[in-house]
N, C-alpha and C. Protein backbone atom coordinates (compact mmCIF):
# COMPACT_ATOMS: atom_id res chain seq x y z
N MET A 1 -15.22 -26.69 7.49
CA MET A 1 -17.22 -27.08 8.14
C MET A 1 -17.88 -26.23 7.23
N SER A 2 -19.45 -26.20 6.61
CA SER A 2 -20.01 -26.42 5.95
C SER A 2 -20.99 -25.30 6.78
N ALA A 3 -21.82 -24.05 5.69
CA ALA A 3 -22.62 -23.12 5.99
C ALA A 3 -23.90 -24.22 5.63
N PRO A 4 -25.40 -23.85 5.80
CA PRO A 4 -26.57 -24.01 6.53
C PRO A 4 -27.39 -24.60 4.37
N ASP A 5 -26.40 -24.03 3.45
CA ASP A 5 -26.77 -23.74 1.81
C ASP A 5 -25.68 -24.78 1.31
N GLY A 6 -24.74 -25.67 2.28
CA GLY A 6 -24.00 -26.14 1.65
C GLY A 6 -22.60 -26.05 1.39
N SER A 7 -22.46 -24.86 0.99
CA SER A 7 -21.85 -24.20 0.25
C SER A 7 -19.98 -24.08 2.08
N VAL A 8 -18.77 -24.30 1.45
CA VAL A 8 -17.50 -24.08 2.25
C VAL A 8 -17.00 -22.81 2.05
N ASN A 9 -16.70 -22.43 2.87
CA ASN A 9 -16.07 -20.98 2.94
C ASN A 9 -14.12 -21.98 3.67
N LEU A 10 -13.70 -22.04 2.53
CA LEU A 10 -11.92 -21.96 2.59
C LEU A 10 -11.09 -21.80 3.26
N LEU A 11 -11.72 -20.40 3.33
CA LEU A 11 -10.81 -19.22 4.15
C LEU A 11 -11.29 -18.85 5.81
N VAL A 12 -11.59 -19.39 6.46
CA VAL A 12 -12.55 -19.81 7.85
C VAL A 12 -12.43 -20.90 8.02
N TRP A 13 -10.96 -21.58 9.36
CA TRP A 13 -11.24 -22.91 10.01
C TRP A 13 -11.37 -23.14 11.03
N HIS A 14 -12.25 -23.79 11.30
CA HIS A 14 -12.10 -24.54 12.93
C HIS A 14 -11.40 -25.33 13.41
N CYS A 15 -11.19 -24.74 14.18
CA CYS A 15 -9.47 -26.20 14.92
C CYS A 15 -9.82 -25.85 16.68
N VAL A 16 -9.34 -26.65 17.12
CA VAL A 16 -9.28 -27.36 18.40
C VAL A 16 -7.67 -27.93 18.53
N ILE A 17 -7.55 -27.12 19.70
CA ILE A 17 -5.98 -27.31 20.16
C ILE A 17 -6.17 -28.19 21.53
N PRO A 18 -5.66 -29.04 21.64
CA PRO A 18 -5.82 -29.66 22.25
C PRO A 18 -4.79 -29.50 23.61
N GLY A 19 -4.57 -29.52 24.29
CA GLY A 19 -3.52 -29.14 25.99
C GLY A 19 -2.36 -30.23 25.95
N LYS A 20 -1.34 -28.95 26.03
CA LYS A 20 -0.29 -30.17 25.67
C LYS A 20 -0.07 -31.58 26.72
N ILE A 21 0.35 -32.83 26.32
CA ILE A 21 0.90 -34.12 27.76
C ILE A 21 2.02 -33.14 28.87
N GLY A 22 1.13 -33.34 29.84
CA GLY A 22 2.47 -33.22 30.79
C GLY A 22 2.09 -31.36 31.41
N THR A 23 1.65 -31.07 31.01
CA THR A 23 1.29 -28.84 31.18
C THR A 23 -0.45 -29.04 31.91
N ASP A 24 -0.29 -28.60 32.85
CA ASP A 24 -1.83 -27.32 33.38
C ASP A 24 -2.89 -27.88 32.26
N TRP A 25 -2.32 -27.93 31.60
CA TRP A 25 -3.86 -27.26 29.90
C TRP A 25 -3.50 -28.88 29.49
N GLU A 26 -3.58 -30.04 29.95
CA GLU A 26 -3.57 -31.87 29.52
C GLU A 26 -4.81 -32.20 29.65
N GLY A 27 -5.59 -32.82 28.87
CA GLY A 27 -7.09 -32.89 28.59
C GLY A 27 -7.37 -31.68 28.33
N GLY A 28 -7.77 -30.90 28.19
CA GLY A 28 -8.53 -29.38 27.67
C GLY A 28 -8.51 -29.63 25.85
N TYR A 29 -9.34 -29.32 25.35
CA TYR A 29 -9.31 -28.75 24.40
C TYR A 29 -10.43 -27.41 23.77
N PHE A 30 -8.80 -27.01 23.36
CA PHE A 30 -9.22 -25.33 22.84
C PHE A 30 -9.41 -24.90 21.15
N PRO A 31 -10.77 -24.18 21.67
CA PRO A 31 -11.30 -24.30 20.05
C PRO A 31 -10.21 -23.36 19.86
N LEU A 32 -10.08 -22.74 18.21
CA LEU A 32 -9.51 -21.46 17.98
C LEU A 32 -10.41 -21.58 16.32
N THR A 33 -10.41 -20.30 15.67
CA THR A 33 -10.82 -19.71 14.51
C THR A 33 -9.70 -19.54 13.71
N ILE A 34 -9.57 -20.04 12.29
CA ILE A 34 -8.34 -19.03 11.22
C ILE A 34 -9.46 -18.60 10.35
N ASN A 35 -8.72 -17.80 10.27
CA ASN A 35 -9.30 -16.63 9.09
C ASN A 35 -7.77 -16.56 8.50
N PHE A 36 -7.59 -16.87 6.91
CA PHE A 36 -7.05 -16.61 6.31
C PHE A 36 -7.20 -15.02 5.45
N SER A 37 -6.98 -14.56 4.18
CA SER A 37 -7.37 -13.60 4.17
C SER A 37 -7.16 -13.52 2.64
N GLU A 38 -7.43 -13.32 1.79
CA GLU A 38 -7.26 -13.56 0.15
C GLU A 38 -6.05 -13.55 -0.12
N ASP A 39 -5.01 -13.24 0.87
CA ASP A 39 -3.80 -12.30 0.14
C ASP A 39 -2.49 -13.22 0.89
N TYR A 40 -3.19 -15.00 1.17
CA TYR A 40 -2.52 -15.36 2.02
C TYR A 40 -1.87 -16.43 0.90
N PRO A 41 -0.66 -16.45 1.11
CA PRO A 41 0.53 -16.91 2.36
C PRO A 41 1.06 -15.45 2.03
N SER A 42 0.70 -14.64 1.65
CA SER A 42 1.88 -13.10 1.41
C SER A 42 1.58 -12.60 2.83
N LYS A 43 0.02 -12.57 3.77
CA LYS A 43 -0.32 -12.45 4.46
C LYS A 43 -0.38 -13.42 5.78
N PRO A 44 -0.53 -13.38 6.72
CA PRO A 44 -0.54 -14.48 7.94
C PRO A 44 -2.14 -14.31 8.33
N PRO A 45 -3.07 -15.25 8.84
CA PRO A 45 -4.24 -16.00 8.92
C PRO A 45 -4.28 -14.14 10.18
N ILE A 46 -5.36 -15.13 10.91
CA ILE A 46 -6.34 -14.14 12.38
C ILE A 46 -6.33 -15.30 13.04
N CYS A 47 -5.76 -15.60 13.89
CA CYS A 47 -6.19 -16.40 14.65
C CYS A 47 -6.60 -16.06 16.46
N LYS A 48 -8.22 -16.51 16.49
CA LYS A 48 -9.06 -16.22 17.42
C LYS A 48 -9.75 -17.35 18.22
N PHE A 49 -9.98 -17.26 19.86
CA PHE A 49 -10.01 -17.83 20.17
C PHE A 49 -11.32 -17.26 20.82
N PRO A 50 -12.28 -18.24 21.68
CA PRO A 50 -13.79 -17.92 21.96
C PRO A 50 -13.03 -16.12 22.88
N ASN A 51 -14.11 -15.18 22.21
CA ASN A 51 -14.07 -13.63 23.41
C ASN A 51 -14.02 -14.32 24.30
N GLY A 52 -13.57 -12.94 25.70
CA GLY A 52 -12.83 -13.96 26.45
C GLY A 52 -11.66 -14.98 27.59
N PHE A 53 -11.21 -14.85 26.06
CA PHE A 53 -10.34 -16.34 26.72
C PHE A 53 -9.30 -15.59 26.70
N PHE A 54 -8.96 -16.71 28.56
CA PHE A 54 -8.28 -15.82 29.52
C PHE A 54 -6.62 -16.21 29.67
N HIS A 55 -5.62 -15.55 28.59
CA HIS A 55 -4.84 -15.97 28.82
C HIS A 55 -3.70 -14.54 28.49
N PRO A 56 -2.20 -14.15 29.66
CA PRO A 56 -1.56 -13.29 28.63
C PRO A 56 -1.65 -12.48 27.46
N ASN A 57 -1.40 -13.94 26.64
CA ASN A 57 -1.22 -13.32 25.49
C ASN A 57 -2.59 -13.63 24.10
N VAL A 58 -3.80 -13.58 24.65
CA VAL A 58 -4.76 -13.81 24.16
C VAL A 58 -5.30 -12.50 24.03
N TYR A 59 -5.74 -11.74 23.27
CA TYR A 59 -6.64 -10.25 23.42
C TYR A 59 -8.30 -10.33 24.25
N PRO A 60 -8.57 -9.99 24.78
CA PRO A 60 -10.15 -9.90 25.52
C PRO A 60 -10.93 -10.28 23.84
N SER A 61 -10.79 -9.64 23.00
CA SER A 61 -11.00 -9.99 21.87
C SER A 61 -11.30 -11.21 21.44
N GLY A 62 -10.55 -11.97 22.06
CA GLY A 62 -9.88 -13.21 21.17
C GLY A 62 -8.56 -14.28 20.33
N ASN A 63 -8.19 -12.81 19.70
CA ASN A 63 -7.50 -12.86 18.69
C ASN A 63 -6.02 -13.02 19.61
N VAL A 64 -4.79 -14.19 19.00
CA VAL A 64 -4.16 -14.68 19.49
C VAL A 64 -2.74 -14.01 19.03
N CYS A 65 -1.66 -13.10 20.25
CA CYS A 65 -1.02 -12.57 20.01
C CYS A 65 0.62 -13.53 20.36
N LEU A 66 1.00 -13.18 19.13
CA LEU A 66 2.20 -14.30 19.03
C LEU A 66 2.80 -14.14 17.57
N SER A 67 4.36 -13.80 17.78
CA SER A 67 5.01 -13.10 16.90
C SER A 67 5.08 -13.45 15.23
N ILE A 68 5.38 -15.24 15.24
CA ILE A 68 4.89 -15.53 14.09
C ILE A 68 3.67 -14.84 13.50
N LEU A 69 2.35 -14.63 13.41
CA LEU A 69 0.98 -13.82 13.53
C LEU A 69 1.42 -12.95 12.82
N SER A 70 2.38 -12.14 13.61
CA SER A 70 2.77 -10.24 13.06
C SER A 70 3.16 -10.26 11.97
N GLU A 71 2.79 -9.73 10.59
CA GLU A 71 3.43 -9.23 9.58
C GLU A 71 4.31 -7.90 9.56
N ARG A 72 4.00 -8.13 10.30
CA ARG A 72 5.75 -6.68 10.36
C ARG A 72 6.94 -7.94 11.73
N ARG A 73 6.82 -8.18 12.12
CA ARG A 73 7.58 -8.99 13.22
C ARG A 73 7.84 -10.37 12.80
N GLY A 74 7.05 -11.81 12.51
CA GLY A 74 7.37 -12.79 12.73
C GLY A 74 6.86 -13.69 11.38
N TRP A 75 5.71 -13.05 10.63
CA TRP A 75 5.79 -14.07 9.60
C TRP A 75 6.23 -14.40 8.44
N ARG A 76 6.21 -15.42 7.99
CA ARG A 76 7.03 -15.78 6.96
C ARG A 76 5.96 -16.66 6.01
N PRO A 77 5.62 -16.55 4.66
CA PRO A 77 5.00 -17.38 3.77
C PRO A 77 5.01 -18.43 3.69
N SER A 78 6.30 -19.35 4.54
CA SER A 78 6.88 -20.24 3.98
C SER A 78 6.05 -21.10 5.75
N ILE A 79 5.08 -20.35 7.14
CA ILE A 79 5.01 -20.79 7.47
C ILE A 79 3.64 -21.71 7.80
N THR A 80 4.47 -22.66 8.10
CA THR A 80 2.90 -23.96 7.60
C THR A 80 1.66 -23.44 8.77
N VAL A 81 0.36 -23.95 8.95
CA VAL A 81 -1.09 -23.91 9.35
C VAL A 81 0.05 -24.80 11.01
N THR A 82 0.70 -25.85 10.70
CA THR A 82 0.49 -26.97 11.62
C THR A 82 1.67 -26.26 12.63
N GLN A 83 2.52 -25.50 12.00
CA GLN A 83 3.75 -24.97 12.73
C GLN A 83 2.56 -23.36 13.74
N ILE A 84 2.35 -23.37 12.89
CA ILE A 84 0.99 -22.39 13.46
C ILE A 84 0.46 -22.83 15.01
N LEU A 85 -0.08 -23.86 14.75
CA LEU A 85 -1.10 -24.18 15.72
C LEU A 85 -0.14 -25.05 17.33
N VAL A 86 1.04 -25.67 16.77
CA VAL A 86 2.08 -25.51 17.75
C VAL A 86 2.74 -24.77 18.04
N GLY A 87 2.78 -23.53 17.37
CA GLY A 87 3.24 -21.93 18.03
C GLY A 87 1.98 -21.90 19.14
N ILE A 88 0.76 -21.83 18.91
CA ILE A 88 -0.24 -21.72 20.00
C ILE A 88 -0.41 -22.74 20.82
N GLN A 89 -0.33 -23.35 21.15
CA GLN A 89 -0.27 -24.89 21.95
C GLN A 89 0.80 -24.31 22.90
N ASP A 90 1.96 -24.61 22.34
CA ASP A 90 3.70 -23.65 23.46
C ASP A 90 3.05 -22.72 23.88
N LEU A 91 2.57 -21.61 23.39
CA LEU A 91 2.51 -20.50 24.23
C LEU A 91 1.34 -20.78 25.07
N LEU A 92 -0.03 -20.98 25.16
CA LEU A 92 -0.51 -21.62 25.62
C LEU A 92 0.17 -21.51 27.54
N ASP A 93 1.09 -22.72 26.90
CA ASP A 93 1.90 -23.34 28.72
C ASP A 93 3.33 -22.24 29.33
N GLN A 94 3.43 -21.52 27.99
CA GLN A 94 4.55 -20.88 28.08
C GLN A 94 5.20 -19.30 27.33
N PRO A 95 3.84 -18.62 28.49
CA PRO A 95 3.09 -17.26 27.81
C PRO A 95 4.55 -16.41 27.81
N ASN A 96 3.98 -15.23 27.00
CA ASN A 96 5.47 -14.22 26.78
C ASN A 96 5.20 -13.27 27.66
N ALA A 97 5.87 -13.25 28.87
CA ALA A 97 5.72 -11.76 29.35
C ALA A 97 6.52 -10.68 28.70
N SER A 98 6.98 -10.89 27.66
CA SER A 98 7.44 -9.80 27.12
C SER A 98 6.42 -9.18 25.91
N ASP A 99 5.58 -9.56 25.59
CA ASP A 99 4.32 -9.29 24.38
C ASP A 99 3.23 -9.81 24.32
N TYR A 100 2.23 -9.16 25.64
CA TYR A 100 0.95 -9.08 26.16
C TYR A 100 0.17 -8.51 26.10
N ALA A 101 -0.66 -9.08 26.00
CA ALA A 101 -2.22 -8.87 25.23
C ALA A 101 -3.55 -8.49 26.51
N GLN A 102 -3.43 -9.03 27.20
CA GLN A 102 -4.06 -8.38 28.29
C GLN A 102 -3.59 -8.25 29.55
N THR A 103 -4.03 -6.86 30.03
CA THR A 103 -3.20 -6.08 31.10
C THR A 103 -3.06 -7.34 32.38
N GLU A 104 -5.19 -7.42 32.88
CA GLU A 104 -4.88 -8.45 33.76
C GLU A 104 -4.35 -9.61 34.01
N GLY A 105 -4.02 -10.66 32.92
CA GLY A 105 -3.63 -12.22 32.69
C GLY A 105 -1.87 -11.43 32.81
N TYR A 106 -1.80 -10.06 32.26
CA TYR A 106 0.00 -10.49 32.20
C TYR A 106 0.48 -10.02 33.73
N ARG A 107 -0.71 -9.66 34.45
CA ARG A 107 -0.16 -8.70 36.24
C ARG A 107 -0.41 -9.75 36.74
N LEU A 108 -1.92 -11.15 36.42
CA LEU A 108 -1.37 -12.05 37.28
C LEU A 108 -0.39 -13.06 36.83
N TYR A 109 -0.32 -13.41 35.65
CA TYR A 109 1.22 -13.82 35.45
C TYR A 109 2.63 -13.28 36.08
N VAL A 110 2.80 -12.40 35.70
CA VAL A 110 4.62 -12.18 36.68
C VAL A 110 4.04 -12.33 38.04
N SER A 111 3.04 -11.68 38.82
CA SER A 111 2.91 -11.52 40.22
C SER A 111 2.87 -12.83 40.25
N PHE A 112 2.42 -14.04 39.64
CA PHE A 112 2.64 -15.21 40.07
C PHE A 112 4.45 -15.64 39.78
N CYS A 113 4.80 -15.71 38.84
CA CYS A 113 6.09 -15.65 38.84
C CYS A 113 7.18 -15.52 40.19
N PHE A 114 6.51 -14.42 40.27
CA PHE A 114 7.40 -13.53 40.92
C PHE A 114 7.41 -13.94 42.83
N ARG A 115 6.58 -14.66 43.03
CA ARG A 115 6.31 -15.09 44.40
C ARG A 115 6.45 -17.07 44.33
N CYS A 116 6.83 -17.10 42.84
CA CYS A 116 7.50 -18.70 42.63
C CYS A 116 8.48 -17.95 43.30
N THR A 117 9.93 -17.20 42.44
CA THR A 117 10.71 -16.87 42.68
C THR A 117 11.24 -16.69 43.58
N ASP A 118 10.32 -16.24 45.01
CA ASP A 118 10.78 -15.61 46.42
C ASP A 118 11.13 -17.36 46.78
N LEU A 119 10.32 -18.36 46.92
CA LEU A 119 9.90 -19.57 47.60
C LEU A 119 11.79 -20.04 47.18
N LEU A 120 12.26 -19.89 46.06
CA LEU A 120 13.53 -20.56 45.25
C LEU A 120 13.97 -20.45 46.64
N PRO A 121 14.66 -22.13 46.75
CA PRO A 121 15.40 -22.04 48.10
C PRO A 121 17.04 -20.87 47.97
N LEU A 122 17.20 -20.50 49.46
CA LEU A 122 18.33 -19.48 49.15
C LEU A 122 19.76 -19.55 48.76
N GLY A 123 20.02 -21.27 48.49
CA GLY A 123 21.12 -20.81 48.18
C GLY A 123 21.54 -21.28 46.49
N ASN A 124 19.81 -20.87 45.95
CA ASN A 124 19.82 -20.40 44.58
C ASN A 124 19.43 -19.13 43.82
N THR A 125 20.21 -18.17 44.02
CA THR A 125 20.40 -17.13 43.21
C THR A 125 20.22 -16.98 41.83
N GLU A 126 19.30 -18.05 41.32
CA GLU A 126 19.71 -18.09 39.63
C GLU A 126 17.72 -18.39 39.43
N PRO A 127 16.67 -18.05 39.18
CA PRO A 127 15.53 -18.01 38.97
C PRO A 127 15.36 -18.61 37.73
N LYS A 128 13.96 -19.69 38.11
CA LYS A 128 14.18 -19.98 36.32
C LYS A 128 13.78 -19.18 35.61
N PHE A 129 12.68 -18.12 35.88
CA PHE A 129 12.16 -17.36 35.11
C PHE A 129 12.08 -15.12 35.86
N VAL A 130 12.63 -14.53 34.61
CA VAL A 130 12.63 -13.01 35.34
C VAL A 130 11.75 -12.33 33.49
N PRO A 131 10.49 -11.71 34.80
CA PRO A 131 9.98 -11.53 33.10
C PRO A 131 10.72 -10.37 32.81
N GLY A 132 10.04 -10.13 31.48
CA GLY A 132 11.37 -9.89 30.09
C GLY A 132 11.94 -10.55 29.26
N LYS A 133 12.55 -11.83 30.32
CA LYS A 133 13.61 -12.45 29.08
C LYS A 133 12.70 -13.78 28.42
N SER A 134 13.63 -14.04 27.60
CA SER A 134 12.73 -15.70 27.01
C SER A 134 13.41 -16.51 28.16
N SER A 135 12.50 -17.82 28.38
CA SER A 135 12.93 -18.71 29.30
C SER A 135 12.76 -19.94 28.81
N THR A 136 12.98 -21.32 29.78
CA THR A 136 12.54 -23.08 29.22
C THR A 136 11.14 -22.98 30.16
N ALA A 137 10.69 -24.00 29.78
CA ALA A 137 9.21 -24.03 30.29
C ALA A 137 10.16 -24.80 31.56
N SER A 138 9.08 -23.78 33.09
CA SER A 138 9.71 -24.38 34.13
C SER A 138 8.36 -24.55 35.15
N PRO A 139 8.30 -25.48 36.25
CA PRO A 139 7.31 -25.52 36.84
C PRO A 139 6.18 -24.19 37.54
N ALA A 140 6.90 -23.52 37.50
CA ALA A 140 6.66 -22.20 37.92
C ALA A 140 5.40 -21.91 36.66
N ILE A 141 6.05 -21.55 35.53
CA ILE A 141 5.80 -21.09 33.85
C ILE A 141 4.20 -22.10 33.90
N SER A 142 4.64 -23.56 33.68
CA SER A 142 3.33 -24.25 34.11
C SER A 142 2.54 -23.96 34.88
N THR A 143 2.42 -24.28 36.00
CA THR A 143 2.05 -23.88 37.26
C THR A 143 0.57 -22.16 36.92
N VAL A 144 1.56 -21.36 36.62
CA VAL A 144 0.59 -20.37 36.11
C VAL A 144 -0.55 -20.41 35.07
N SER A 145 -0.76 -21.18 34.35
CA SER A 145 -1.44 -21.19 33.50
C SER A 145 -2.78 -21.93 33.94
N LEU A 146 -2.92 -22.90 35.20
CA LEU A 146 -3.90 -23.31 35.87
C LEU A 146 -4.02 -22.21 36.17
N VAL A 147 -3.62 -21.30 36.91
CA VAL A 147 -3.99 -20.11 38.18
C VAL A 147 -4.97 -19.00 37.25
N ILE A 148 -4.01 -19.12 36.36
CA ILE A 148 -5.08 -17.87 35.29
C ILE A 148 -5.25 -18.00 34.83
N CYS A 149 -5.71 -19.42 34.28
CA CYS A 149 -7.23 -19.37 33.54
C CYS A 149 -8.34 -20.05 34.04
């Protein structure tokens, strides 16, 4: 994207993340700005949705809370922009309840997941989601995105 004077800032990328097919996010297009520092790829970029984007793993400021974007926890200079975008796309439908960025988003997400486990048939003692543990995608996790967004 160029500035009014025609200059281009290669350190700021304006992206759109499409909602994954087969999820509650399908058909949606979600704007994201990636800000690279002069130290990239030694330091991770900052990825940001618009202010107020409501998701358990997005701060009210719009900054994305994802381990691969954390210099202390998961960033490696070999991580590509494609891997970042796919990671964020996956995070939309599969929130990480053990690493939340919004208290209200987290509270609603966990509350909904607990209600879903209450609806499991009595013979099934193994819930598909337990807050604080990693899990694979399940209908409960897919559905919660629609409820809280």
